[in-house]
Amino acid sequence: MKGFAVILLVVVAMVQLFMAKPGAAISCGQVESQISPCLTYLSEGGTPSPSCCSGVKTLSQSLQTTQDRQTACGCLKTAASHYTNLKPDAASQLPTKCGVSIGVPISPTVDCSKIQ
């Protein structure tokens, strides 16, 4: 059942990704689509997969404005609240382990309105 929920989430995210208009602000569907390959790493730790890091890098390149970063922050907080087995240390270290800075702390306690 858990696997089905993850697959459903990915499908919904992909549909939203393709429906996004060029130049439009980033959507939660886009954020979730880019981060979904990281679910194993986020719940088990270790080393993020190449597809995970590719998604994180793509996400990083998509966060061009303060609004994009604040939206992505809110999306990440909401997505994280749906998974009880995520490791906070793995989440906070993900961008560094993938060699990028996304400008958004991955933490359930961050105040997204303060992100510049």
PDB file of N, CA and C in Angstrom:
ATOM      1  N   MET A   1       0.822  -1.192   0.000  1.00  0.00           N
ATOM      2  CA  MET A   1       0.000   0.000   0.000  1.00  0.00           C
ATOM      3  C   MET A   1       0.867   1.259   0.000  1.00  0.00           C
ATOM      4  N   LYS A   2       1.966   1.233   0.778  1.00  0.00           N
ATOM      5  CA  LYS A   2       2.863   2.380   0.848  1.00  0.00           C
ATOM      6  C   LYS A   2       3.499   2.640  -0.519  1.00  0.00           C
ATOM      7  N   GLY A   3       3.899   1.546  -1.202  1.00  0.00           N
ATOM      8  CA  GLY A   3       4.495   1.678  -2.529  1.00  0.00           C
ATOM      9  C   GLY A   3       3.517   2.282  -3.520  1.00  0.00           C
ATOM     10  N   PHE A   4       2.251   1.877  -3.419  1.00  0.00           N
ATOM     11  CA  PHE A   4       1.223   2.418  -4.294  1.00  0.00           C
ATOM     12  C   PHE A   4       1.073   3.918  -4.074  1.00  0.00           C
ATOM     13  N   ALA A   5       1.107   4.350  -2.808  1.00  0.00           N
ATOM     14  CA  ALA A   5       0.964   5.770  -2.489  1.00  0.00           C
ATOM     15  C   ALA A   5       2.120   6.573  -3.086  1.00  0.00           C
ATOM     16  N   VAL A   6       3.324   6.036  -3.016  1.00  0.00           N
ATOM     17  CA  VAL A   6       4.488   6.724  -3.579  1.00  0.00           C
ATOM     18  C   VAL A   6       4.360   6.819  -5.098  1.00  0.00           C
ATOM     19  N   ILE A   7       3.937   5.736  -5.732  1.00  0.00           N
ATOM     20  CA  ILE A   7       3.759   5.734  -7.189  1.00  0.00           C
ATOM     21  C   ILE A   7       2.685   6.747  -7.581  1.00  0.00           C
ATOM     22  N   LEU A   8       1.582   6.769  -6.840  1.00  0.00           N
ATOM     23  CA  LEU A   8       0.518   7.720  -7.120  1.00  0.00           C
ATOM     24  C   LEU A   8       1.024   9.150  -6.975  1.00  0.00           C
ATOM     25  N   LEU A   9       1.803   9.418  -5.946  1.00  0.00           N
ATOM     26  CA  LEU A   9       2.364  10.741  -5.732  1.00  0.00           C
ATOM     27  C   LEU A   9       3.254  11.150  -6.907  1.00  0.00           C
ATOM     28  N   VAL A  10       4.072  10.233  -7.378  1.00  0.00           N
ATOM     29  CA  VAL A  10       4.970  10.519  -8.503  1.00  0.00           C
ATOM     30  C   VAL A  10       4.169  10.802  -9.772  1.00  0.00           C
ATOM     31  N   VAL A  11       3.126  10.019 -10.024  1.00  0.00           N
ATOM     32  CA  VAL A  11       2.297  10.226 -11.218  1.00  0.00           C
ATOM     33  C   VAL A  11       1.626  11.597 -11.159  1.00  0.00           C
ATOM     34  N   VAL A  12       1.058  11.935 -10.014  1.00  0.00           N
ATOM     35  CA  VAL A  12       0.413  13.245  -9.862  1.00  0.00           C
ATOM     36  C   VAL A  12       1.436  14.358 -10.056  1.00  0.00           C
ATOM     37  N   ALA A  13       2.613  14.186  -9.491  1.00  0.00           N
ATOM     38  CA  ALA A  13       3.665  15.198  -9.633  1.00  0.00           C
ATOM     39  C   ALA A  13       4.067  15.369 -11.095  1.00  0.00           C
ATOM     40  N   MET A  14       4.184  14.274 -11.815  1.00  0.00           N
ATOM     41  CA  MET A  14       4.567  14.347 -13.227  1.00  0.00           C
ATOM     42  C   MET A  14       3.497  15.064 -14.050  1.00  0.00           C
ATOM     43  N   VAL A  15       2.240  14.788 -13.781  1.00  0.00           N
ATOM     44  CA  VAL A  15       1.151  15.457 -14.491  1.00  0.00           C
ATOM     45  C   VAL A  15       1.213  16.949 -14.231  1.00  0.00           C
ATOM     46  N   GLN A  16       1.413  17.337 -12.978  1.00  0.00           N
ATOM     47  CA  GLN A  16       1.505  18.752 -12.641  1.00  0.00           C
ATOM     48  C   GLN A  16       2.732  19.394 -13.278  1.00  0.00           C
ATOM     49  N   LEU A  17       3.806  18.658 -13.358  1.00  0.00           N
ATOM     50  CA  LEU A  17       5.036  19.176 -13.953  1.00  0.00           C
ATOM     51  C   LEU A  17       4.806  19.544 -15.416  1.00  0.00           C
ATOM     52  N   PHE A  18       4.160  18.653 -16.153  1.00  0.00           N
ATOM     53  CA  PHE A  18       3.947  18.900 -17.570  1.00  0.00           C
ATOM     54  C   PHE A  18       2.870  19.941 -17.831  1.00  0.00           C
ATOM     55  N   MET A  19       2.036  20.213 -16.837  1.00  0.00           N
ATOM     56  CA  MET A  19       0.998  21.219 -16.991  1.00  0.00           C
ATOM     57  C   MET A  19       1.496  22.619 -16.645  1.00  0.00           C
ATOM     58  N   ALA A  20       2.678  22.710 -16.037  1.00  0.00           N
ATOM     59  CA  ALA A  20       3.216  24.014 -15.647  1.00  0.00           C
ATOM     60  C   ALA A  20       3.525  24.842 -16.885  1.00  0.00           C
ATOM     61  N   LYS A  21       3.248  26.130 -16.804  1.00  0.00           N
ATOM     62  CA  LYS A  21       3.501  27.030 -17.914  1.00  0.00           C
ATOM     63  C   LYS A  21       4.926  27.544 -17.838  1.00  0.00           C
ATOM     64  N   PRO A  22       5.590  27.696 -18.997  1.00  0.00           N
ATOM     65  CA  PRO A  22       6.938  28.254 -18.976  1.00  0.00           C
ATOM     66  C   PRO A  22       6.941  29.627 -18.333  1.00  0.00           C
ATOM     67  N   GLY A  23       7.928  29.882 -17.482  1.00  0.00           N
ATOM     68  CA  GLY A  23       8.051  31.157 -16.824  1.00  0.00           C
ATOM     69  C   GLY A  23       7.172  31.286 -15.584  1.00  0.00           C
ATOM     70  N   ALA A  24       6.341  30.298 -15.333  1.00  0.00           N
ATOM     71  CA  ALA A  24       5.471  30.354 -14.156  1.00  0.00           C
ATOM     72  C   ALA A  24       6.280  29.972 -12.920  1.00  0.00           C
ATOM     73  N   ALA A  25       5.758  30.366 -11.772  1.00  0.00           N
ATOM     74  CA  ALA A  25       6.408  30.017 -10.509  1.00  0.00           C
ATOM     75  C   ALA A  25       6.422  28.503 -10.347  1.00  0.00           C
ATOM     76  N   ILE A  26       7.349  28.030  -9.565  1.00  0.00           N
ATOM     77  CA  ILE A  26       7.483  26.595  -9.333  1.00  0.00           C
ATOM     78  C   ILE A  26       6.256  26.077  -8.572  1.00  0.00           C
ATOM     79  N   SER A  27       5.903  24.825  -8.830  1.00  0.00           N
ATOM     80  CA  SER A  27       4.748  24.222  -8.162  1.00  0.00           C
ATOM     81  C   SER A  27       5.207  23.090  -7.258  1.00  0.00           C
ATOM     82  N   CYS A  28       4.340  22.706  -6.331  1.00  0.00           N
ATOM     83  CA  CYS A  28       4.663  21.572  -5.461  1.00  0.00           C
ATOM     84  C   CYS A  28       4.830  20.300  -6.289  1.00  0.00           C
ATOM     85  N   GLY A  29       4.089  20.188  -7.363  1.00  0.00           N
ATOM     86  CA  GLY A  29       4.245  19.025  -8.240  1.00  0.00           C
ATOM     87  C   GLY A  29       5.651  18.923  -8.800  1.00  0.00           C
ATOM     88  N   GLN A  30       6.209  20.060  -9.185  1.00  0.00           N
ATOM     89  CA  GLN A  30       7.574  20.073  -9.705  1.00  0.00           C
ATOM     90  C   GLN A  30       8.576  19.705  -8.614  1.00  0.00           C
ATOM     91  N   VAL A  31       8.397  20.281  -7.437  1.00  0.00           N
ATOM     92  CA  VAL A  31       9.313  20.006  -6.323  1.00  0.00           C
ATOM     93  C   VAL A  31       9.266  18.521  -5.972  1.00  0.00           C
ATOM     94  N   GLU A  32       8.066  17.983  -5.802  1.00  0.00           N
ATOM     95  CA  GLU A  32       7.909  16.577  -5.434  1.00  0.00           C
ATOM     96  C   GLU A  32       8.449  15.650  -6.516  1.00  0.00           C
ATOM     97  N   SER A  33       8.263  16.036  -7.768  1.00  0.00           N
ATOM     98  CA  SER A  33       8.774  15.227  -8.872  1.00  0.00           C
ATOM     99  C   SER A  33      10.300  15.145  -8.828  1.00  0.00           C
ATOM    100  N   GLN A  34      10.947  16.257  -8.530  1.00  0.00           N
ATOM    101  CA  GLN A  34      12.409  16.283  -8.496  1.00  0.00           C
ATOM    102  C   GLN A  34      12.962  15.533  -7.289  1.00  0.00           C
ATOM    103  N   ILE A  35      12.249  15.558  -6.171  1.00  0.00           N
ATOM    104  CA  ILE A  35      12.734  14.946  -4.937  1.00  0.00           C
ATOM    105  C   ILE A  35      12.310  13.483  -4.793  1.00  0.00           C
ATOM    106  N   SER A  36      11.312  13.051  -5.528  1.00  0.00           N
ATOM    107  CA  SER A  36      10.796  11.679  -5.346  1.00  0.00           C
ATOM    108  C   SER A  36      11.855  10.582  -5.506  1.00  0.00           C
ATOM    109  N   PRO A  37      12.861  10.734  -6.377  1.00  0.00           N
ATOM    110  CA  PRO A  37      13.883   9.684  -6.432  1.00  0.00           C
ATOM    111  C   PRO A  37      14.737   9.601  -5.158  1.00  0.00           C
ATOM    112  N   CYS A  38      14.551  10.543  -4.256  1.00  0.00           N
ATOM    113  CA  CYS A  38      15.347  10.599  -3.025  1.00  0.00           C
ATOM    114  C   CYS A  38      14.663   9.927  -1.836  1.00  0.00           C
ATOM    115  N   LEU A  39      13.472   9.400  -2.012  1.00  0.00           N
ATOM    116  CA  LEU A  39      12.727   8.846  -0.880  1.00  0.00           C
ATOM    117  C   LEU A  39      13.488   7.736  -0.159  1.00  0.00           C
ATOM    118  N   THR A  40      14.159   6.873  -0.888  1.00  0.00           N
ATOM    119  CA  THR A  40      14.925   5.803  -0.240  1.00  0.00           C
ATOM    120  C   THR A  40      16.042   6.391   0.608  1.00  0.00           C
ATOM    121  N   TYR A  41      16.784   7.320   0.044  1.00  0.00           N
ATOM    122  CA  TYR A  41      17.861   7.968   0.807  1.00  0.00           C
ATOM    123  C   TYR A  41      17.300   8.680   2.031  1.00  0.00           C
ATOM    124  N   LEU A  42      16.207   9.400   1.868  1.00  0.00           N
ATOM    125  CA  LEU A  42      15.637  10.181   2.973  1.00  0.00           C
ATOM    126  C   LEU A  42      15.114   9.316   4.109  1.00  0.00           C
ATOM    127  N   SER A  43      14.726   8.085   3.800  1.00  0.00           N
ATOM    128  CA  SER A  43      14.211   7.213   4.855  1.00  0.00           C
ATOM    129  C   SER A  43      15.262   6.249   5.400  1.00  0.00           C
ATOM    130  N   GLU A  44      16.305   5.970   4.613  1.00  0.00           N
ATOM    131  CA  GLU A  44      17.305   4.992   5.042  1.00  0.00           C
ATOM    132  C   GLU A  44      18.683   5.594   5.280  1.00  0.00           C
ATOM    133  N   GLY A  45      18.939   6.777   4.742  1.00  0.00           N
ATOM    134  CA  GLY A  45      20.262   7.377   4.858  1.00  0.00           C
ATOM    135  C   GLY A  45      21.216   6.779   3.846  1.00  0.00           C
ATOM    136  N   GLY A  46      22.498   6.876   4.110  1.00  0.00           N
ATOM    137  CA  GLY A  46      23.505   6.342   3.188  1.00  0.00           C
ATOM    138  C   GLY A  46      23.928   7.389   2.175  1.00  0.00           C
ATOM    139  N   THR A  47      23.963   6.980   0.923  1.00  0.00           N
ATOM    140  CA  THR A  47      24.373   7.855  -0.165  1.00  0.00           C
ATOM    141  C   THR A  47      23.210   8.043  -1.124  1.00  0.00           C
ATOM    142  N   PRO A  48      22.899   9.291  -1.502  1.00  0.00           N
ATOM    143  CA  PRO A  48      21.817   9.501  -2.465  1.00  0.00           C
ATOM    144  C   PRO A  48      22.173   8.907  -3.829  1.00  0.00           C
ATOM    145  N   SER A  49      21.166   8.400  -4.513  1.00  0.00           N
ATOM    146  CA  SER A  49      21.381   7.798  -5.835  1.00  0.00           C
ATOM    147  C   SER A  49      21.671   8.886  -6.863  1.00  0.00           C
ATOM    148  N   PRO A  50      22.262   8.513  -7.991  1.00  0.00           N
ATOM    149  CA  PRO A  50      22.486   9.491  -9.058  1.00  0.00           C
ATOM    150  C   PRO A  50      21.184  10.160  -9.527  1.00  0.00           C
ATOM    151  N   SER A  51      20.085   9.406  -9.598  1.00  0.00           N
ATOM    152  CA  SER A  51      18.815  10.014 -10.032  1.00  0.00           C
ATOM    153  C   SER A  51      18.300  10.998  -8.981  1.00  0.00           C
ATOM    154  N   CYS A  52      18.538  10.708  -7.717  1.00  0.00           N
ATOM    155  CA  CYS A  52      18.170  11.626  -6.643  1.00  0.00           C
ATOM    156  C   CYS A  52      18.946  12.930  -6.811  1.00  0.00           C
ATOM    157  N   CYS A  53      20.253  12.837  -6.936  1.00  0.00           N
ATOM    158  CA  CYS A  53      21.080  14.047  -7.063  1.00  0.00           C
ATOM    159  C   CYS A  53      20.761  14.816  -8.345  1.00  0.00           C
ATOM    160  N   SER A  54      20.424  14.122  -9.391  1.00  0.00           N
ATOM    161  CA  SER A  54      20.015  14.792 -10.625  1.00  0.00           C
ATOM    162  C   SER A  54      18.768  15.624 -10.379  1.00  0.00           C
ATOM    163  N   GLY A  55      17.810  15.069  -9.645  1.00  0.00           N
ATOM    164  CA  GLY A  55      16.592  15.800  -9.315  1.00  0.00           C
ATOM    165  C   GLY A  55      16.870  17.001  -8.434  1.00  0.00           C
ATOM    166  N   VAL A  56      17.754  16.832  -7.455  1.00  0.00           N
ATOM    167  CA  VAL A  56      18.103  17.935  -6.553  1.00  0.00           C
ATOM    168  C   VAL A  56      18.782  19.050  -7.350  1.00  0.00           C
ATOM    169  N   LYS A  57      19.648  18.691  -8.280  1.00  0.00           N
ATOM    170  CA  LYS A  57      20.326  19.697  -9.103  1.00  0.00           C
ATOM    171  C   LYS A  57      19.329  20.436  -9.995  1.00  0.00           C
ATOM    172  N   THR A  58      18.389  19.697 -10.574  1.00  0.00           N
ATOM    173  CA  THR A  58      17.363  20.319 -11.404  1.00  0.00           C
ATOM    174  C   THR A  58      16.508  21.260 -10.562  1.00  0.00           C
ATOM    175  N   LEU A  59      16.152  20.817  -9.371  1.00  0.00           N
ATOM    176  CA  LEU A  59      15.375  21.666  -8.466  1.00  0.00           C
ATOM    177  C   LEU A  59      16.148  22.934  -8.143  1.00  0.00           C
ATOM    178  N   SER A  60      17.421  22.798  -7.844  1.00  0.00           N
ATOM    179  CA  SER A  60      18.259  23.947  -7.516  1.00  0.00           C
ATOM    180  C   SER A  60      18.242  24.980  -8.642  1.00  0.00           C
ATOM    181  N   GLN A  61      18.315  24.518  -9.870  1.00  0.00           N
ATOM    182  CA  GLN A  61      18.317  25.414 -11.026  1.00  0.00           C
ATOM    183  C   GLN A  61      16.958  26.081 -11.239  1.00  0.00           C
ATOM    184  N   SER A  62      15.899  25.467 -10.706  1.00  0.00           N
ATOM    185  CA  SER A  62      14.545  25.997 -10.870  1.00  0.00           C
ATOM    186  C   SER A  62      14.208  27.088  -9.864  1.00  0.00           C
ATOM    187  N   LEU A  63      14.985  27.198  -8.815  1.00  0.00           N
ATOM    188  CA  LEU A  63      14.663  28.128  -7.737  1.00  0.00           C
ATOM    189  C   LEU A  63      15.357  29.471  -7.979  1.00  0.00           C
ATOM    190  N   GLN A  64      14.811  30.236  -8.899  1.00  0.00           N
ATOM    191  CA  GLN A  64      15.441  31.475  -9.326  1.00  0.00           C
ATOM    192  C   GLN A  64      15.048  32.695  -8.503  1.00  0.00           C
ATOM    193  N   THR A  65      13.846  32.670  -7.913  1.00  0.00           N
ATOM    194  CA  THR A  65      13.356  33.847  -7.197  1.00  0.00           C
ATOM    195  C   THR A  65      13.089  33.512  -5.727  1.00  0.00           C
ATOM    196  N   THR A  66      12.930  34.552  -4.926  1.00  0.00           N
ATOM    197  CA  THR A  66      12.574  34.357  -3.517  1.00  0.00           C
ATOM    198  C   THR A  66      11.260  33.592  -3.431  1.00  0.00           C
ATOM    199  N   GLN A  67      10.293  33.953  -4.268  1.00  0.00           N
ATOM    200  CA  GLN A  67       8.990  33.273  -4.263  1.00  0.00           C
ATOM    201  C   GLN A  67       9.163  31.785  -4.576  1.00  0.00           C
ATOM    202  N   ASP A  68      10.014  31.455  -5.552  1.00  0.00           N
ATOM    203  CA  ASP A  68      10.270  30.049  -5.882  1.00  0.00           C
ATOM    204  C   ASP A  68      10.828  29.305  -4.673  1.00  0.00           C
ATOM    205  N   ARG A  69      11.798  29.926  -3.989  1.00  0.00           N
ATOM    206  CA  ARG A  69      12.420  29.274  -2.835  1.00  0.00           C
ATOM    207  C   ARG A  69      11.426  29.114  -1.683  1.00  0.00           C
ATOM    208  N   GLN A  70      10.603  30.122  -1.442  1.00  0.00           N
ATOM    209  CA  GLN A  70       9.602  30.022  -0.385  1.00  0.00           C
ATOM    210  C   GLN A  70       8.543  28.971  -0.712  1.00  0.00           C
ATOM    211  N   THR A  71       8.137  28.914  -1.973  1.00  0.00           N
ATOM    212  CA  THR A  71       7.163  27.904  -2.398  1.00  0.00           C
ATOM    213  C   THR A  71       7.749  26.518  -2.246  1.00  0.00           C
ATOM    214  N   ALA A  72       8.978  26.326  -2.712  1.00  0.00           N
ATOM    215  CA  ALA A  72       9.635  25.016  -2.606  1.00  0.00           C
ATOM    216  C   ALA A  72       9.765  24.603  -1.146  1.00  0.00           C
ATOM    217  N   CYS A  73      10.090  25.551  -0.290  1.00  0.00           N
ATOM    218  CA  CYS A  73      10.212  25.278   1.144  1.00  0.00           C
ATOM    219  C   CYS A  73       8.890  24.737   1.686  1.00  0.00           C
ATOM    220  N   GLY A  74       7.804  25.420   1.382  1.00  0.00           N
ATOM    221  CA  GLY A  74       6.488  24.970   1.838  1.00  0.00           C
ATOM    222  C   GLY A  74       6.128  23.604   1.291  1.00  0.00           C
ATOM    223  N   CYS A  75       6.469  23.374   0.038  1.00  0.00           N
ATOM    224  CA  CYS A  75       6.196  22.070  -0.586  1.00  0.00           C
ATOM    225  C   CYS A  75       6.971  20.955   0.104  1.00  0.00           C
ATOM    226  N   LEU A  76       8.242  21.222   0.400  1.00  0.00           N
ATOM    227  CA  LEU A  76       9.074  20.218   1.058  1.00  0.00           C
ATOM    228  C   LEU A  76       8.565  19.925   2.465  1.00  0.00           C
ATOM    229  N   LYS A  77       8.133  20.961   3.186  1.00  0.00           N
ATOM    230  CA  LYS A  77       7.593  20.756   4.532  1.00  0.00           C
ATOM    231  C   LYS A  77       6.313  19.922   4.478  1.00  0.00           C
ATOM    232  N   THR A  78       5.444  20.233   3.527  1.00  0.00           N
ATOM    233  CA  THR A  78       4.185  19.487   3.391  1.00  0.00           C
ATOM    234  C   THR A  78       4.458  18.042   3.014  1.00  0.00           C
ATOM    235  N   ALA A  79       5.349  17.834   2.048  1.00  0.00           N
ATOM    236  CA  ALA A  79       5.663  16.466   1.618  1.00  0.00           C
ATOM    237  C   ALA A  79       6.264  15.673   2.766  1.00  0.00           C
ATOM    238  N   ALA A  80       7.159  16.299   3.530  1.00  0.00           N
ATOM    239  CA  ALA A  80       7.806  15.606   4.645  1.00  0.00           C
ATOM    240  C   ALA A  80       6.797  15.205   5.718  1.00  0.00           C
ATOM    241  N   SER A  81       5.749  15.987   5.872  1.00  0.00           N
ATOM    242  CA  SER A  81       4.751  15.669   6.904  1.00  0.00           C
ATOM    243  C   SER A  81       3.960  14.407   6.579  1.00  0.00           C
ATOM    244  N   HIS A  82       3.981  13.981   5.318  1.00  0.00           N
ATOM    245  CA  HIS A  82       3.266  12.772   4.912  1.00  0.00           C
ATOM    246  C   HIS A  82       4.067  11.491   5.171  1.00  0.00           C
ATOM    247  N   TYR A  83       5.350  11.634   5.482  1.00  0.00           N
ATOM    248  CA  TYR A  83       6.215  10.475   5.693  1.00  0.00           C
ATOM    249  C   TYR A  83       6.793  10.535   7.100  1.00  0.00           C
ATOM    250  N   THR A  84       6.464   9.547   7.900  1.00  0.00           N
ATOM    251  CA  THR A  84       6.912   9.552   9.297  1.00  0.00           C
ATOM    252  C   THR A  84       8.302   8.943   9.473  1.00  0.00           C
ATOM    253  N   ASN A  85       8.808   8.258   8.458  1.00  0.00           N
ATOM    254  CA  ASN A  85      10.086   7.571   8.616  1.00  0.00           C
ATOM    255  C   ASN A  85      11.261   8.320   7.981  1.00  0.00           C
ATOM    256  N   LEU A  86      11.098   9.606   7.673  1.00  0.00           N
ATOM    257  CA  LEU A  86      12.196  10.362   7.095  1.00  0.00           C
ATOM    258  C   LEU A  86      13.209  10.727   8.174  1.00  0.00           C
ATOM    259  N   LYS A  87      14.471  10.636   7.824  1.00  0.00           N
ATOM    260  CA  LYS A  87      15.550  10.977   8.756  1.00  0.00           C
ATOM    261  C   LYS A  87      15.901  12.453   8.585  1.00  0.00           C
ATOM    262  N   PRO A  88      15.719  13.252   9.641  1.00  0.00           N
ATOM    263  CA  PRO A  88      16.007  14.695   9.531  1.00  0.00           C
ATOM    264  C   PRO A  88      17.442  14.991   9.107  1.00  0.00           C
ATOM    265  N   ASP A  89      18.405  14.222   9.603  1.00  0.00           N
ATOM    266  CA  ASP A  89      19.800  14.458   9.216  1.00  0.00           C
ATOM    267  C   ASP A  89      20.019  14.197   7.733  1.00  0.00           C
ATOM    268  N   ALA A  90      19.406  13.141   7.224  1.00  0.00           N
ATOM    269  CA  ALA A  90      19.538  12.823   5.801  1.00  0.00           C
ATOM    270  C   ALA A  90      18.945  13.952   4.964  1.00  0.00           C
ATOM    271  N   ALA A  91      17.795  14.465   5.380  1.00  0.00           N
ATOM    272  CA  ALA A  91      17.142  15.538   4.636  1.00  0.00           C
ATOM    273  C   ALA A  91      18.002  16.799   4.627  1.00  0.00           C
ATOM    274  N   SER A  92      18.514  17.192   5.777  1.00  0.00           N
ATOM    275  CA  SER A  92      19.295  18.426   5.842  1.00  0.00           C
ATOM    276  C   SER A  92      20.623  18.316   5.081  1.00  0.00           C
ATOM    277  N   GLN A  93      21.159  17.105   4.958  1.00  0.00           N
ATOM    278  CA  GLN A  93      22.443  16.903   4.277  1.00  0.00           C
ATOM    279  C   GLN A  93      22.308  16.620   2.783  1.00  0.00           C
ATOM    280  N   LEU A  94      21.071  16.427   2.319  1.00  0.00           N
ATOM    281  CA  LEU A  94      20.867  16.033   0.920  1.00  0.00           C
ATOM    282  C   LEU A  94      21.520  16.978  -0.086  1.00  0.00           C
ATOM    283  N   PRO A  95      21.271  18.282  -0.041  1.00  0.00           N
ATOM    284  CA  PRO A  95      21.904  19.146  -1.052  1.00  0.00           C
ATOM    285  C   PRO A  95      23.430  19.045  -1.029  1.00  0.00           C
ATOM    286  N   THR A  96      24.018  19.046   0.160  1.00  0.00           N
ATOM    287  CA  THR A  96      25.477  18.958   0.276  1.00  0.00           C
ATOM    288  C   THR A  96      25.994  17.651  -0.306  1.00  0.00           C
ATOM    289  N   LYS A  97      25.318  16.552  -0.003  1.00  0.00           N
ATOM    290  CA  LYS A  97      25.758  15.252  -0.527  1.00  0.00           C
ATOM    291  C   LYS A  97      25.641  15.186  -2.042  1.00  0.00           C
ATOM    292  N   CYS A  98      24.751  16.003  -2.604  1.00  0.00           N
ATOM    293  CA  CYS A  98      24.598  16.048  -4.061  1.00  0.00           C
ATOM    294  C   CYS A  98      25.444  17.150  -4.690  1.00  0.00           C
ATOM    295  N   GLY A  99      26.173  17.896  -3.858  1.00  0.00           N
ATOM    296  CA  GLY A  99      27.093  18.910  -4.371  1.00  0.00           C
ATOM    297  C   GLY A  99      26.428  20.184  -4.862  1.00  0.00           C
ATOM    298  N   VAL A 100      25.266  20.526  -4.299  1.00  0.00           N
ATOM    299  CA  VAL A 100      24.588  21.749  -4.705  1.00  0.00           C
ATOM    300  C   VAL A 100      24.074  22.494  -3.477  1.00  0.00           C
ATOM    301  N   SER A 101      23.705  23.736  -3.700  1.00  0.00           N
ATOM    302  CA  SER A 101      23.016  24.522  -2.693  1.00  0.00           C
ATOM    303  C   SER A 101      21.677  24.911  -3.292  1.00  0.00           C
ATOM    304  N   ILE A 102      20.597  24.525  -2.632  1.00  0.00           N
ATOM    305  CA  ILE A 102      19.290  24.859  -3.194  1.00  0.00           C
ATOM    306  C   ILE A 102      18.720  26.137  -2.590  1.00  0.00           C
ATOM    307  N   GLY A 103      19.396  26.689  -1.588  1.00  0.00           N
ATOM    308  CA  GLY A 103      18.935  27.929  -0.992  1.00  0.00           C
ATOM    309  C   GLY A 103      17.711  27.765  -0.110  1.00  0.00           C
ATOM    310  N   VAL A 104      17.367  26.525   0.182  1.00  0.00           N
ATOM    311  CA  VAL A 104      16.211  26.222   1.015  1.00  0.00           C
ATOM    312  C   VAL A 104      16.625  25.148   2.007  1.00  0.00           C
ATOM    313  N   PRO A 105      16.600  25.461   3.304  1.00  0.00           N
ATOM    314  CA  PRO A 105      16.915  24.406   4.266  1.00  0.00           C
ATOM    315  C   PRO A 105      15.827  23.338   4.236  1.00  0.00           C
ATOM    316  N   ILE A 106      16.222  22.095   4.269  1.00  0.00           N
ATOM    317  CA  ILE A 106      15.245  21.010   4.293  1.00  0.00           C
ATOM    318  C   ILE A 106      15.077  20.607   5.745  1.00  0.00           C
ATOM    319  N   SER A 107      14.057  21.184   6.363  1.00  0.00           N
ATOM    320  CA  SER A 107      13.808  20.974   7.775  1.00  0.00           C
ATOM    321  C   SER A 107      12.330  21.204   8.046  1.00  0.00           C
ATOM    322  N   PRO A 108      11.737  20.379   8.904  1.00  0.00           N
ATOM    323  CA  PRO A 108      10.316  20.580   9.216  1.00  0.00           C
ATOM    324  C   PRO A 108      10.058  21.803  10.094  1.00  0.00           C
ATOM    325  N   THR A 109      11.124  22.410  10.617  1.00  0.00           N
ATOM    326  CA  THR A 109      10.937  23.542  11.521  1.00  0.00           C
ATOM    327  C   THR A 109      11.285  24.890  10.894  1.00  0.00           C
ATOM    328  N   VAL A 110      11.708  24.911   9.664  1.00  0.00           N
ATOM    329  CA  VAL A 110      12.103  26.164   9.026  1.00  0.00           C
ATOM    330  C   VAL A 110      10.879  27.055   8.805  1.00  0.00           C
ATOM    331  N   ASP A 111      11.080  28.363   8.962  1.00  0.00           N
ATOM    332  CA  ASP A 111      10.040  29.350   8.672  1.00  0.00           C
ATOM    333  C   ASP A 111      10.231  29.781   7.220  1.00  0.00           C
ATOM    334  N   CYS A 112       9.412  29.254   6.342  1.00  0.00           N
ATOM    335  CA  CYS A 112       9.577  29.485   4.904  1.00  0.00           C
ATOM    336  C   CYS A 112       9.420  30.953   4.509  1.00  0.00           C
ATOM    337  N   SER A 113       8.692  31.724   5.298  1.00  0.00           N
ATOM    338  CA  SER A 113       8.486  33.137   4.962  1.00  0.00           C
ATOM    339  C   SER A 113       9.777  33.953   5.150  1.00  0.00           C
ATOM    340  N   LYS A 114      10.753  33.407   5.844  1.00  0.00           N
ATOM    341  CA  LYS A 114      12.006  34.126   6.070  1.00  0.00           C
ATOM    342  C   LYS A 114      13.089  33.791   5.049  1.00  0.00           C
ATOM    343  N   ILE A 115      12.788  32.909   4.128  1.00  0.00           N
ATOM    344  CA  ILE A 115      13.766  32.524   3.108  1.00  0.00           C
ATOM    345  C   ILE A 115      13.837  33.612   2.048  1.00  0.00           C
ATOM    346  N   GLN A 116      15.064  33.992   1.727  1.00  0.00           N
ATOM    347  CA  GLN A 116      15.282  35.018   0.699  1.00  0.00           C
ATOM    348  C   GLN A 116      15.759  34.354  -0.515  1.00  0.00           C
TER     349      GLN A 116
END
